[in-house]
Amino acid sequence: MSDITKNALANSLTELMAATPLDKITVRMLVENCGLNRQTFYYHFQDIPALIEESIIEETNSILEDISGITTMRESVEKIIRRLYQNKTALYHIWGSSNHEQLEIHLMRICDNFAQKYVNGSEAYKNESEEHKQIMQDLLQCECFGQLVKWFNSGMTIDLMQHVDKVVQMADKGLFRFDK
């Protein structure tokens, strides 16, 4: 019952964020939207930021699980971006709120996982030293995160896939390799 209740509260938050800025959403609005009471909310969460944090962690873990078996950078990127677009309005409200730090932390986790998988599985970088691979991974992680920040700050109007496609093409050509 606990997971069902937590999911109902998380879904209620997502629904409300489709029409209401996060900072305007109250516990009363959340529980009325999903048919629960305030005591139930406070049994599971200290406050709305705690619900947001748990929701972000759950979504991050779900995305990482979703891409765990994927071997190509392109397919991983497509799945990640598709998931971000599915939650676009909620993410945008979180990004613009005082709770955006949790979102940043977990977006960075996704970017790190993506970069690590790519560098370790890429033919272009198989002969690089571990130090160079780590530098490449850090570079891709920061580029991925930077593109997400740019996307959020543009009001999510830029074509994220187009930007990331260019980075993938550069990486696939080995343009970030170290010459000896």
N, C-alpha and C. Protein backbone atom coordinates (compact mmCIF):
# COMPACT_ATOMS: atom_id res chain seq x y z
N MET A 1 0.82 -1.20 0.00
CA MET A 1 0.00 0.00 0.00
C MET A 1 0.86 1.26 0.00
N SER A 2 2.01 1.19 0.66
CA SER A 2 2.88 2.36 0.79
C SER A 2 3.36 2.86 -0.58
N ASP A 3 3.84 1.94 -1.44
CA ASP A 3 4.29 2.35 -2.77
C ASP A 3 3.14 2.89 -3.61
N ILE A 4 1.98 2.31 -3.48
CA ILE A 4 0.80 2.78 -4.22
C ILE A 4 0.46 4.21 -3.79
N THR A 5 0.50 4.46 -2.49
CA THR A 5 0.21 5.79 -1.97
C THR A 5 1.25 6.80 -2.43
N LYS A 6 2.52 6.43 -2.34
CA LYS A 6 3.60 7.33 -2.78
C LYS A 6 3.47 7.63 -4.27
N ASN A 7 3.16 6.61 -5.05
CA ASN A 7 2.97 6.81 -6.50
C ASN A 7 1.78 7.72 -6.78
N ALA A 8 0.71 7.55 -6.01
CA ALA A 8 -0.46 8.41 -6.19
C ALA A 8 -0.12 9.86 -5.90
N LEU A 9 0.67 10.09 -4.86
CA LEU A 9 1.09 11.46 -4.53
C LEU A 9 2.03 12.02 -5.58
N ALA A 10 2.96 11.20 -6.06
CA ALA A 10 3.89 11.65 -7.11
C ALA A 10 3.13 11.97 -8.40
N ASN A 11 2.19 11.11 -8.77
CA ASN A 11 1.39 11.35 -9.98
C ASN A 11 0.53 12.60 -9.82
N SER A 12 0.01 12.80 -8.64
CA SER A 12 -0.79 14.00 -8.37
C SER A 12 0.06 15.25 -8.54
N LEU A 13 1.28 15.21 -8.04
CA LEU A 13 2.20 16.34 -8.18
C LEU A 13 2.47 16.62 -9.65
N THR A 14 2.74 15.59 -10.43
CA THR A 14 3.01 15.75 -11.86
C THR A 14 1.79 16.34 -12.57
N GLU A 15 0.61 15.84 -12.25
CA GLU A 15 -0.62 16.37 -12.86
C GLU A 15 -0.81 17.85 -12.54
N LEU A 16 -0.60 18.20 -11.28
CA LEU A 16 -0.79 19.59 -10.87
C LEU A 16 0.24 20.51 -11.52
N MET A 17 1.47 20.01 -11.69
CA MET A 17 2.51 20.84 -12.31
C MET A 17 2.23 21.12 -13.79
N ALA A 18 1.34 20.36 -14.38
CA ALA A 18 0.98 20.61 -15.77
C ALA A 18 0.26 21.96 -15.92
N ALA A 19 -0.34 22.43 -14.83
CA ALA A 19 -1.11 23.68 -14.91
C ALA A 19 -0.72 24.72 -13.86
N THR A 20 0.09 24.30 -12.88
CA THR A 20 0.39 25.18 -11.76
C THR A 20 1.89 25.19 -11.48
N PRO A 21 2.48 26.37 -11.31
CA PRO A 21 3.90 26.41 -10.93
C PRO A 21 4.11 25.67 -9.61
N LEU A 22 5.22 25.00 -9.51
CA LEU A 22 5.51 24.17 -8.35
C LEU A 22 5.41 24.94 -7.04
N ASP A 23 5.92 26.15 -7.00
CA ASP A 23 5.90 26.93 -5.77
C ASP A 23 4.49 27.32 -5.32
N LYS A 24 3.50 27.13 -6.17
CA LYS A 24 2.11 27.45 -5.82
C LYS A 24 1.32 26.22 -5.39
N ILE A 25 1.91 25.04 -5.53
CA ILE A 25 1.22 23.79 -5.18
C ILE A 25 1.33 23.57 -3.67
N THR A 26 0.19 23.26 -3.06
CA THR A 26 0.15 23.01 -1.61
C THR A 26 -0.13 21.53 -1.35
N VAL A 27 0.12 21.13 -0.12
CA VAL A 27 -0.19 19.75 0.28
C VAL A 27 -1.68 19.51 0.13
N ARG A 28 -2.48 20.48 0.49
CA ARG A 28 -3.94 20.34 0.36
C ARG A 28 -4.32 20.06 -1.10
N MET A 29 -3.74 20.82 -2.04
CA MET A 29 -4.03 20.60 -3.46
C MET A 29 -3.63 19.18 -3.88
N LEU A 30 -2.46 18.73 -3.43
CA LEU A 30 -1.97 17.39 -3.77
C LEU A 30 -2.93 16.30 -3.30
N VAL A 31 -3.29 16.37 -2.02
CA VAL A 31 -4.11 15.28 -1.47
C VAL A 31 -5.53 15.32 -2.01
N GLU A 32 -6.07 16.50 -2.23
CA GLU A 32 -7.42 16.59 -2.81
C GLU A 32 -7.42 16.03 -4.23
N ASN A 33 -6.35 16.27 -4.97
CA ASN A 33 -6.25 15.79 -6.35
C ASN A 33 -6.22 14.27 -6.44
N CYS A 34 -5.65 13.62 -5.44
CA CYS A 34 -5.55 12.15 -5.52
C CYS A 34 -6.44 11.43 -4.50
N GLY A 35 -7.28 12.19 -3.79
CA GLY A 35 -8.26 11.56 -2.90
C GLY A 35 -7.69 11.03 -1.59
N LEU A 36 -6.58 11.58 -1.16
CA LEU A 36 -5.99 11.18 0.12
C LEU A 36 -6.17 12.31 1.13
N ASN A 37 -5.69 12.09 2.34
CA ASN A 37 -5.78 13.17 3.32
C ASN A 37 -4.38 13.66 3.70
N ARG A 38 -4.35 14.79 4.39
CA ARG A 38 -3.06 15.41 4.74
C ARG A 38 -2.22 14.50 5.64
N GLN A 39 -2.87 13.77 6.54
CA GLN A 39 -2.13 12.87 7.43
C GLN A 39 -1.39 11.81 6.62
N THR A 40 -2.01 11.31 5.59
CA THR A 40 -1.37 10.31 4.74
C THR A 40 -0.14 10.90 4.07
N PHE A 41 -0.28 12.13 3.57
CA PHE A 41 0.87 12.78 2.94
C PHE A 41 2.03 12.87 3.94
N TYR A 42 1.74 13.39 5.13
CA TYR A 42 2.80 13.61 6.12
C TYR A 42 3.33 12.32 6.74
N TYR A 43 2.59 11.24 6.60
CA TYR A 43 3.10 9.94 7.03
C TYR A 43 4.25 9.52 6.11
N HIS A 44 4.14 9.85 4.83
CA HIS A 44 5.13 9.42 3.84
C HIS A 44 6.22 10.46 3.55
N PHE A 45 5.87 11.74 3.66
CA PHE A 45 6.80 12.80 3.29
C PHE A 45 6.77 13.93 4.31
N GLN A 46 7.92 14.51 4.54
CA GLN A 46 8.02 15.63 5.47
C GLN A 46 7.36 16.88 4.88
N ASP A 47 7.56 17.05 3.56
CA ASP A 47 7.03 18.23 2.87
C ASP A 47 7.07 17.98 1.37
N ILE A 48 6.64 18.94 0.59
CA ILE A 48 6.62 18.78 -0.87
C ILE A 48 8.04 18.60 -1.43
N PRO A 49 9.05 19.34 -0.96
CA PRO A 49 10.40 19.08 -1.47
C PRO A 49 10.86 17.63 -1.26
N ALA A 50 10.45 16.99 -0.18
CA ALA A 50 10.80 15.58 0.04
C ALA A 50 10.12 14.69 -1.01
N LEU A 51 8.89 15.00 -1.35
CA LEU A 51 8.18 14.27 -2.41
C LEU A 51 8.88 14.49 -3.75
N ILE A 52 9.28 15.71 -4.02
CA ILE A 52 9.98 16.02 -5.27
C ILE A 52 11.27 15.23 -5.34
N GLU A 53 12.04 15.25 -4.25
CA GLU A 53 13.31 14.53 -4.24
C GLU A 53 13.11 13.04 -4.50
N GLU A 54 12.16 12.43 -3.82
CA GLU A 54 11.93 11.00 -4.02
C GLU A 54 11.45 10.72 -5.46
N SER A 55 10.61 11.60 -5.99
CA SER A 55 10.13 11.43 -7.37
C SER A 55 11.28 11.51 -8.36
N ILE A 56 12.19 12.46 -8.15
CA ILE A 56 13.34 12.62 -9.04
C ILE A 56 14.25 11.39 -8.95
N ILE A 57 14.48 10.91 -7.74
CA ILE A 57 15.32 9.72 -7.57
C ILE A 57 14.69 8.52 -8.28
N GLU A 58 13.40 8.32 -8.08
CA GLU A 58 12.70 7.19 -8.72
C GLU A 58 12.78 7.29 -10.25
N GLU A 59 12.55 8.49 -10.79
CA GLU A 59 12.59 8.67 -12.25
C GLU A 59 14.01 8.46 -12.78
N THR A 60 15.00 8.97 -12.05
CA THR A 60 16.40 8.78 -12.46
C THR A 60 16.74 7.29 -12.49
N ASN A 61 16.40 6.58 -11.44
CA ASN A 61 16.68 5.14 -11.39
C ASN A 61 15.96 4.41 -12.52
N SER A 62 14.76 4.82 -12.82
CA SER A 62 14.00 4.21 -13.90
C SER A 62 14.67 4.47 -15.26
N ILE A 63 15.13 5.68 -15.48
CA ILE A 63 15.82 6.01 -16.74
C ILE A 63 17.10 5.19 -16.85
N LEU A 64 17.89 5.13 -15.77
CA LEU A 64 19.15 4.37 -15.81
C LEU A 64 18.89 2.89 -16.06
N GLU A 65 17.83 2.36 -15.48
CA GLU A 65 17.47 0.96 -15.73
C GLU A 65 17.03 0.79 -17.19
N ASP A 66 16.29 1.76 -17.68
CA ASP A 66 15.78 1.72 -19.05
C ASP A 66 16.90 1.68 -20.08
N ILE A 67 18.01 2.34 -19.81
CA ILE A 67 19.11 2.39 -20.78
C ILE A 67 20.23 1.40 -20.47
N SER A 68 20.06 0.61 -19.41
CA SER A 68 21.15 -0.27 -18.97
C SER A 68 21.58 -1.29 -20.02
N GLY A 69 20.67 -1.79 -20.81
CA GLY A 69 21.03 -2.80 -21.79
C GLY A 69 21.35 -2.26 -23.17
N ILE A 70 21.32 -0.96 -23.31
CA ILE A 70 21.55 -0.34 -24.62
C ILE A 70 23.04 -0.18 -24.85
N THR A 71 23.48 -0.51 -26.05
CA THR A 71 24.91 -0.46 -26.34
C THR A 71 25.32 0.74 -27.20
N THR A 72 24.38 1.37 -27.88
CA THR A 72 24.79 2.50 -28.72
C THR A 72 24.48 3.83 -28.03
N MET A 73 25.36 4.78 -28.27
CA MET A 73 25.19 6.11 -27.69
C MET A 73 23.91 6.75 -28.20
N ARG A 74 23.65 6.62 -29.47
CA ARG A 74 22.48 7.24 -30.10
C ARG A 74 21.18 6.73 -29.46
N GLU A 75 21.07 5.43 -29.30
CA GLU A 75 19.87 4.85 -28.72
C GLU A 75 19.68 5.28 -27.25
N SER A 76 20.79 5.33 -26.51
CA SER A 76 20.72 5.80 -25.12
C SER A 76 20.22 7.23 -25.07
N VAL A 77 20.79 8.08 -25.91
CA VAL A 77 20.40 9.49 -25.94
C VAL A 77 18.92 9.62 -26.29
N GLU A 78 18.47 8.88 -27.29
CA GLU A 78 17.07 8.95 -27.70
C GLU A 78 16.14 8.58 -26.55
N LYS A 79 16.48 7.51 -25.83
CA LYS A 79 15.62 7.08 -24.71
C LYS A 79 15.61 8.12 -23.60
N ILE A 80 16.78 8.66 -23.27
CA ILE A 80 16.86 9.67 -22.21
C ILE A 80 16.04 10.89 -22.60
N ILE A 81 16.23 11.37 -23.82
CA ILE A 81 15.53 12.57 -24.26
C ILE A 81 14.02 12.32 -24.34
N ARG A 82 13.63 11.16 -24.80
CA ARG A 82 12.20 10.82 -24.85
C ARG A 82 11.59 10.88 -23.45
N ARG A 83 12.30 10.35 -22.47
CA ARG A 83 11.81 10.39 -21.09
C ARG A 83 11.74 11.83 -20.56
N LEU A 84 12.72 12.64 -20.91
CA LEU A 84 12.69 14.04 -20.47
C LEU A 84 11.51 14.77 -21.09
N TYR A 85 11.26 14.52 -22.38
CA TYR A 85 10.13 15.18 -23.03
C TYR A 85 8.79 14.71 -22.46
N GLN A 86 8.70 13.46 -22.01
CA GLN A 86 7.47 12.97 -21.40
C GLN A 86 7.13 13.74 -20.13
N ASN A 87 8.14 14.21 -19.45
CA ASN A 87 7.95 14.93 -18.18
C ASN A 87 8.34 16.40 -18.31
N LYS A 88 8.27 16.92 -19.51
CA LYS A 88 8.77 18.25 -19.82
C LYS A 88 8.20 19.34 -18.91
N THR A 89 6.90 19.41 -18.75
CA THR A 89 6.28 20.47 -17.95
C THR A 89 6.68 20.37 -16.49
N ALA A 90 6.64 19.17 -15.95
CA ALA A 90 7.03 18.98 -14.55
C ALA A 90 8.50 19.35 -14.35
N LEU A 91 9.35 18.91 -15.25
CA LEU A 91 10.78 19.24 -15.14
C LEU A 91 11.00 20.75 -15.22
N TYR A 92 10.29 21.38 -16.10
CA TYR A 92 10.43 22.83 -16.26
C TYR A 92 10.03 23.56 -14.98
N HIS A 93 8.95 23.11 -14.34
CA HIS A 93 8.53 23.73 -13.08
C HIS A 93 9.55 23.47 -11.97
N ILE A 94 10.09 22.27 -11.92
CA ILE A 94 11.11 21.98 -10.90
C ILE A 94 12.35 22.82 -11.16
N TRP A 95 12.76 22.91 -12.42
CA TRP A 95 13.95 23.69 -12.79
C TRP A 95 13.80 25.15 -12.34
N GLY A 96 12.62 25.71 -12.46
CA GLY A 96 12.39 27.09 -12.10
C GLY A 96 12.07 27.32 -10.64
N SER A 97 12.12 26.27 -9.84
CA SER A 97 11.76 26.38 -8.43
C SER A 97 13.00 26.40 -7.54
N SER A 98 12.75 26.55 -6.27
CA SER A 98 13.85 26.51 -5.30
C SER A 98 14.35 25.08 -5.07
N ASN A 99 13.70 24.10 -5.69
CA ASN A 99 14.07 22.69 -5.52
C ASN A 99 14.91 22.14 -6.68
N HIS A 100 15.44 23.02 -7.52
CA HIS A 100 16.12 22.54 -8.72
C HIS A 100 17.44 21.83 -8.45
N GLU A 101 18.03 22.00 -7.27
CA GLU A 101 19.30 21.34 -6.97
C GLU A 101 19.19 19.82 -7.09
N GLN A 102 18.11 19.26 -6.58
CA GLN A 102 17.93 17.80 -6.67
C GLN A 102 17.86 17.35 -8.12
N LEU A 103 17.18 18.13 -8.93
CA LEU A 103 17.09 17.81 -10.35
C LEU A 103 18.47 17.84 -10.98
N GLU A 104 19.26 18.86 -10.68
CA GLU A 104 20.62 18.97 -11.23
C GLU A 104 21.47 17.76 -10.85
N ILE A 105 21.42 17.38 -9.58
CA ILE A 105 22.22 16.24 -9.10
C ILE A 105 21.89 14.98 -9.89
N HIS A 106 20.61 14.73 -10.11
CA HIS A 106 20.22 13.48 -10.75
C HIS A 106 20.34 13.54 -12.26
N LEU A 107 20.22 14.70 -12.85
CA LEU A 107 20.52 14.83 -14.28
C LEU A 107 22.01 14.56 -14.51
N MET A 108 22.84 15.03 -13.59
CA MET A 108 24.28 14.76 -13.70
C MET A 108 24.57 13.27 -13.58
N ARG A 109 23.82 12.56 -12.73
CA ARG A 109 23.97 11.09 -12.62
C ARG A 109 23.67 10.42 -13.96
N ILE A 110 22.60 10.88 -14.61
CA ILE A 110 22.23 10.30 -15.90
C ILE A 110 23.31 10.60 -16.93
N CYS A 111 23.80 11.83 -16.94
CA CYS A 111 24.85 12.21 -17.90
C CYS A 111 26.13 11.42 -17.65
N ASP A 112 26.47 11.19 -16.39
CA ASP A 112 27.67 10.43 -16.05
C ASP A 112 27.54 8.99 -16.53
N ASN A 113 26.40 8.39 -16.27
CA ASN A 113 26.17 7.01 -16.70
C ASN A 113 26.27 6.88 -18.22
N PHE A 114 25.64 7.80 -18.90
CA PHE A 114 25.66 7.84 -20.36
C PHE A 114 27.09 7.98 -20.88
N ALA A 115 27.85 8.91 -20.34
CA ALA A 115 29.22 9.17 -20.80
C ALA A 115 30.12 7.96 -20.52
N GLN A 116 29.97 7.38 -19.36
CA GLN A 116 30.78 6.22 -18.99
C GLN A 116 30.51 5.05 -19.93
N LYS A 117 29.23 4.77 -20.19
CA LYS A 117 28.89 3.68 -21.11
C LYS A 117 29.46 3.93 -22.50
N TYR A 118 29.37 5.16 -22.95
CA TYR A 118 29.84 5.46 -24.30
C TYR A 118 31.36 5.28 -24.40
N VAL A 119 32.09 5.90 -23.51
CA VAL A 119 33.56 5.86 -23.59
C VAL A 119 34.07 4.43 -23.44
N ASN A 120 33.50 3.68 -22.51
CA ASN A 120 33.97 2.31 -22.29
C ASN A 120 33.57 1.36 -23.41
N GLY A 121 32.53 1.70 -24.17
CA GLY A 121 32.09 0.82 -25.24
C GLY A 121 32.46 1.27 -26.64
N SER A 122 33.11 2.41 -26.75
CA SER A 122 33.39 2.97 -28.07
C SER A 122 34.68 2.43 -28.67
N GLU A 123 34.58 2.07 -29.94
CA GLU A 123 35.77 1.65 -30.69
C GLU A 123 36.77 2.79 -30.82
N ALA A 124 36.26 4.01 -30.93
CA ALA A 124 37.12 5.18 -31.14
C ALA A 124 38.07 5.41 -29.97
N TYR A 125 37.72 4.90 -28.80
CA TYR A 125 38.53 5.20 -27.60
C TYR A 125 39.11 3.95 -26.94
N LYS A 126 39.02 2.80 -27.63
CA LYS A 126 39.45 1.55 -26.99
C LYS A 126 40.95 1.51 -26.71
N ASN A 127 41.76 2.23 -27.48
CA ASN A 127 43.20 2.20 -27.27
C ASN A 127 43.72 3.35 -26.41
N GLU A 128 42.83 4.13 -25.89
CA GLU A 128 43.23 5.26 -25.04
C GLU A 128 43.58 4.76 -23.64
N SER A 129 44.43 5.49 -22.95
CA SER A 129 44.77 5.14 -21.57
C SER A 129 43.54 5.39 -20.68
N GLU A 130 43.58 4.79 -19.51
CA GLU A 130 42.46 4.99 -18.56
C GLU A 130 42.33 6.47 -18.20
N GLU A 131 43.45 7.16 -18.09
CA GLU A 131 43.42 8.60 -17.77
C GLU A 131 42.70 9.37 -18.88
N HIS A 132 43.03 9.06 -20.13
CA HIS A 132 42.39 9.74 -21.26
C HIS A 132 40.91 9.38 -21.36
N LYS A 133 40.58 8.13 -21.09
CA LYS A 133 39.17 7.73 -21.09
C LYS A 133 38.39 8.50 -20.04
N GLN A 134 39.00 8.68 -18.86
CA GLN A 134 38.33 9.41 -17.79
C GLN A 134 38.12 10.87 -18.19
N ILE A 135 39.11 11.47 -18.84
CA ILE A 135 38.97 12.85 -19.31
C ILE A 135 37.85 12.94 -20.35
N MET A 136 37.80 11.98 -21.26
CA MET A 136 36.74 11.96 -22.28
C MET A 136 35.38 11.78 -21.64
N GLN A 137 35.31 10.90 -20.64
CA GLN A 137 34.04 10.69 -19.94
C GLN A 137 33.60 11.98 -19.25
N ASP A 138 34.53 12.65 -18.59
CA ASP A 138 34.19 13.91 -17.92
C ASP A 138 33.73 14.96 -18.92
N LEU A 139 34.40 15.02 -20.07
CA LEU A 139 34.05 15.98 -21.11
C LEU A 139 32.62 15.71 -21.62
N LEU A 140 32.31 14.46 -21.92
CA LEU A 140 30.98 14.12 -22.41
C LEU A 140 29.91 14.34 -21.34
N GLN A 141 30.22 14.02 -20.10
CA GLN A 141 29.27 14.24 -19.01
C GLN A 141 28.94 15.72 -18.91
N CYS A 142 29.96 16.56 -18.93
CA CYS A 142 29.74 18.01 -18.81
C CYS A 142 29.03 18.57 -20.04
N GLU A 143 29.35 18.05 -21.21
CA GLU A 143 28.68 18.50 -22.43
C GLU A 143 27.20 18.12 -22.40
N CYS A 144 26.93 16.91 -21.99
CA CYS A 144 25.54 16.44 -21.88
C CYS A 144 24.77 17.31 -20.88
N PHE A 145 25.35 17.51 -19.71
CA PHE A 145 24.69 18.33 -18.69
C PHE A 145 24.53 19.77 -19.17
N GLY A 146 25.56 20.29 -19.83
CA GLY A 146 25.49 21.65 -20.36
C GLY A 146 24.37 21.81 -21.37
N GLN A 147 24.18 20.82 -22.22
CA GLN A 147 23.09 20.87 -23.20
C GLN A 147 21.73 20.86 -22.49
N LEU A 148 21.62 20.09 -21.40
CA LEU A 148 20.37 20.07 -20.64
C LEU A 148 20.10 21.43 -19.99
N VAL A 149 21.13 22.03 -19.43
CA VAL A 149 20.98 23.36 -18.83
C VAL A 149 20.56 24.36 -19.90
N LYS A 150 21.20 24.30 -21.04
CA LYS A 150 20.85 25.19 -22.15
C LYS A 150 19.39 24.99 -22.56
N TRP A 151 18.96 23.74 -22.61
CA TRP A 151 17.58 23.41 -22.96
C TRP A 151 16.60 24.00 -21.95
N PHE A 152 16.87 23.79 -20.66
CA PHE A 152 16.01 24.35 -19.62
C PHE A 152 15.97 25.87 -19.69
N ASN A 153 17.15 26.48 -19.82
CA ASN A 153 17.22 27.94 -19.83
C ASN A 153 16.61 28.57 -21.07
N SER A 154 16.46 27.81 -22.14
CA SER A 154 15.81 28.32 -23.35
C SER A 154 14.29 28.19 -23.26
N GLY A 155 13.80 27.70 -22.13
CA GLY A 155 12.37 27.43 -22.01
C GLY A 155 12.01 26.14 -22.71
N MET A 156 13.00 25.28 -22.90
CA MET A 156 12.84 23.98 -23.55
C MET A 156 12.39 24.13 -25.00
N THR A 157 12.88 25.18 -25.65
CA THR A 157 12.47 25.44 -27.03
C THR A 157 13.46 24.91 -28.06
N ILE A 158 14.72 24.69 -27.67
CA ILE A 158 15.68 24.19 -28.65
C ILE A 158 15.46 22.71 -28.87
N ASP A 159 15.91 22.23 -30.01
CA ASP A 159 15.81 20.82 -30.33
C ASP A 159 17.00 20.09 -29.69
N LEU A 160 16.75 19.53 -28.53
CA LEU A 160 17.80 18.89 -27.76
C LEU A 160 18.46 17.75 -28.54
N MET A 161 17.67 16.96 -29.24
CA MET A 161 18.22 15.84 -29.98
C MET A 161 19.18 16.30 -31.06
N GLN A 162 18.86 17.40 -31.72
CA GLN A 162 19.73 17.93 -32.77
C GLN A 162 21.09 18.33 -32.21
N HIS A 163 21.09 18.98 -31.07
CA HIS A 163 22.36 19.38 -30.44
C HIS A 163 23.17 18.16 -30.03
N VAL A 164 22.52 17.21 -29.39
CA VAL A 164 23.23 16.04 -28.91
C VAL A 164 23.71 15.18 -30.09
N ASP A 165 22.94 15.16 -31.16
CA ASP A 165 23.35 14.43 -32.37
C ASP A 165 24.71 14.89 -32.87
N LYS A 166 24.93 16.18 -32.85
CA LYS A 166 26.22 16.74 -33.32
C LYS A 166 27.36 16.28 -32.42
N VAL A 167 27.12 16.25 -31.13
CA VAL A 167 28.15 15.78 -30.21
C VAL A 167 28.43 14.31 -30.44
N VAL A 168 27.38 13.52 -30.64
CA VAL A 168 27.54 12.08 -30.91
C VAL A 168 28.36 11.88 -32.19
N GLN A 169 28.07 12.62 -33.22
CA GLN A 169 28.81 12.50 -34.48
C GLN A 169 30.29 12.82 -34.27
N MET A 170 30.57 13.88 -33.52
CA MET A 170 31.96 14.24 -33.25
C MET A 170 32.66 13.15 -32.46
N ALA A 171 31.98 12.63 -31.44
CA ALA A 171 32.58 11.59 -30.61
C ALA A 171 32.80 10.31 -31.41
N ASP A 172 31.83 9.94 -32.26
CA ASP A 172 31.96 8.74 -33.07
C ASP A 172 33.13 8.82 -34.05
N LYS A 173 33.43 10.01 -34.49
CA LYS A 173 34.57 10.20 -35.41
C LYS A 173 35.89 10.25 -34.67
N GLY A 174 35.83 10.19 -33.35
CA GLY A 174 37.05 10.22 -32.56
C GLY A 174 37.66 11.60 -32.46
N LEU A 175 36.86 12.63 -32.68
CA LEU A 175 37.40 13.99 -32.68
C LEU A 175 37.88 14.43 -31.30
N PHE A 176 37.53 13.69 -30.27
CA PHE A 176 37.98 14.05 -28.92
C PHE A 176 39.15 13.18 -28.47
N ARG A 177 39.67 12.34 -29.39
CA ARG A 177 40.77 11.46 -29.01
C ARG A 177 42.04 12.24 -28.78
N PHE A 178 42.90 11.64 -28.01
CA PHE A 178 44.21 12.23 -27.75
C PHE A 178 45.18 11.70 -28.78
N ASP A 179 45.87 12.57 -29.46
CA ASP A 179 46.91 12.12 -30.39
C ASP A 179 48.20 11.96 -29.61
N LYS A 180 48.89 10.94 -29.96
CA LYS A 180 50.13 10.63 -29.23
C LYS A 180 51.31 11.32 -29.86
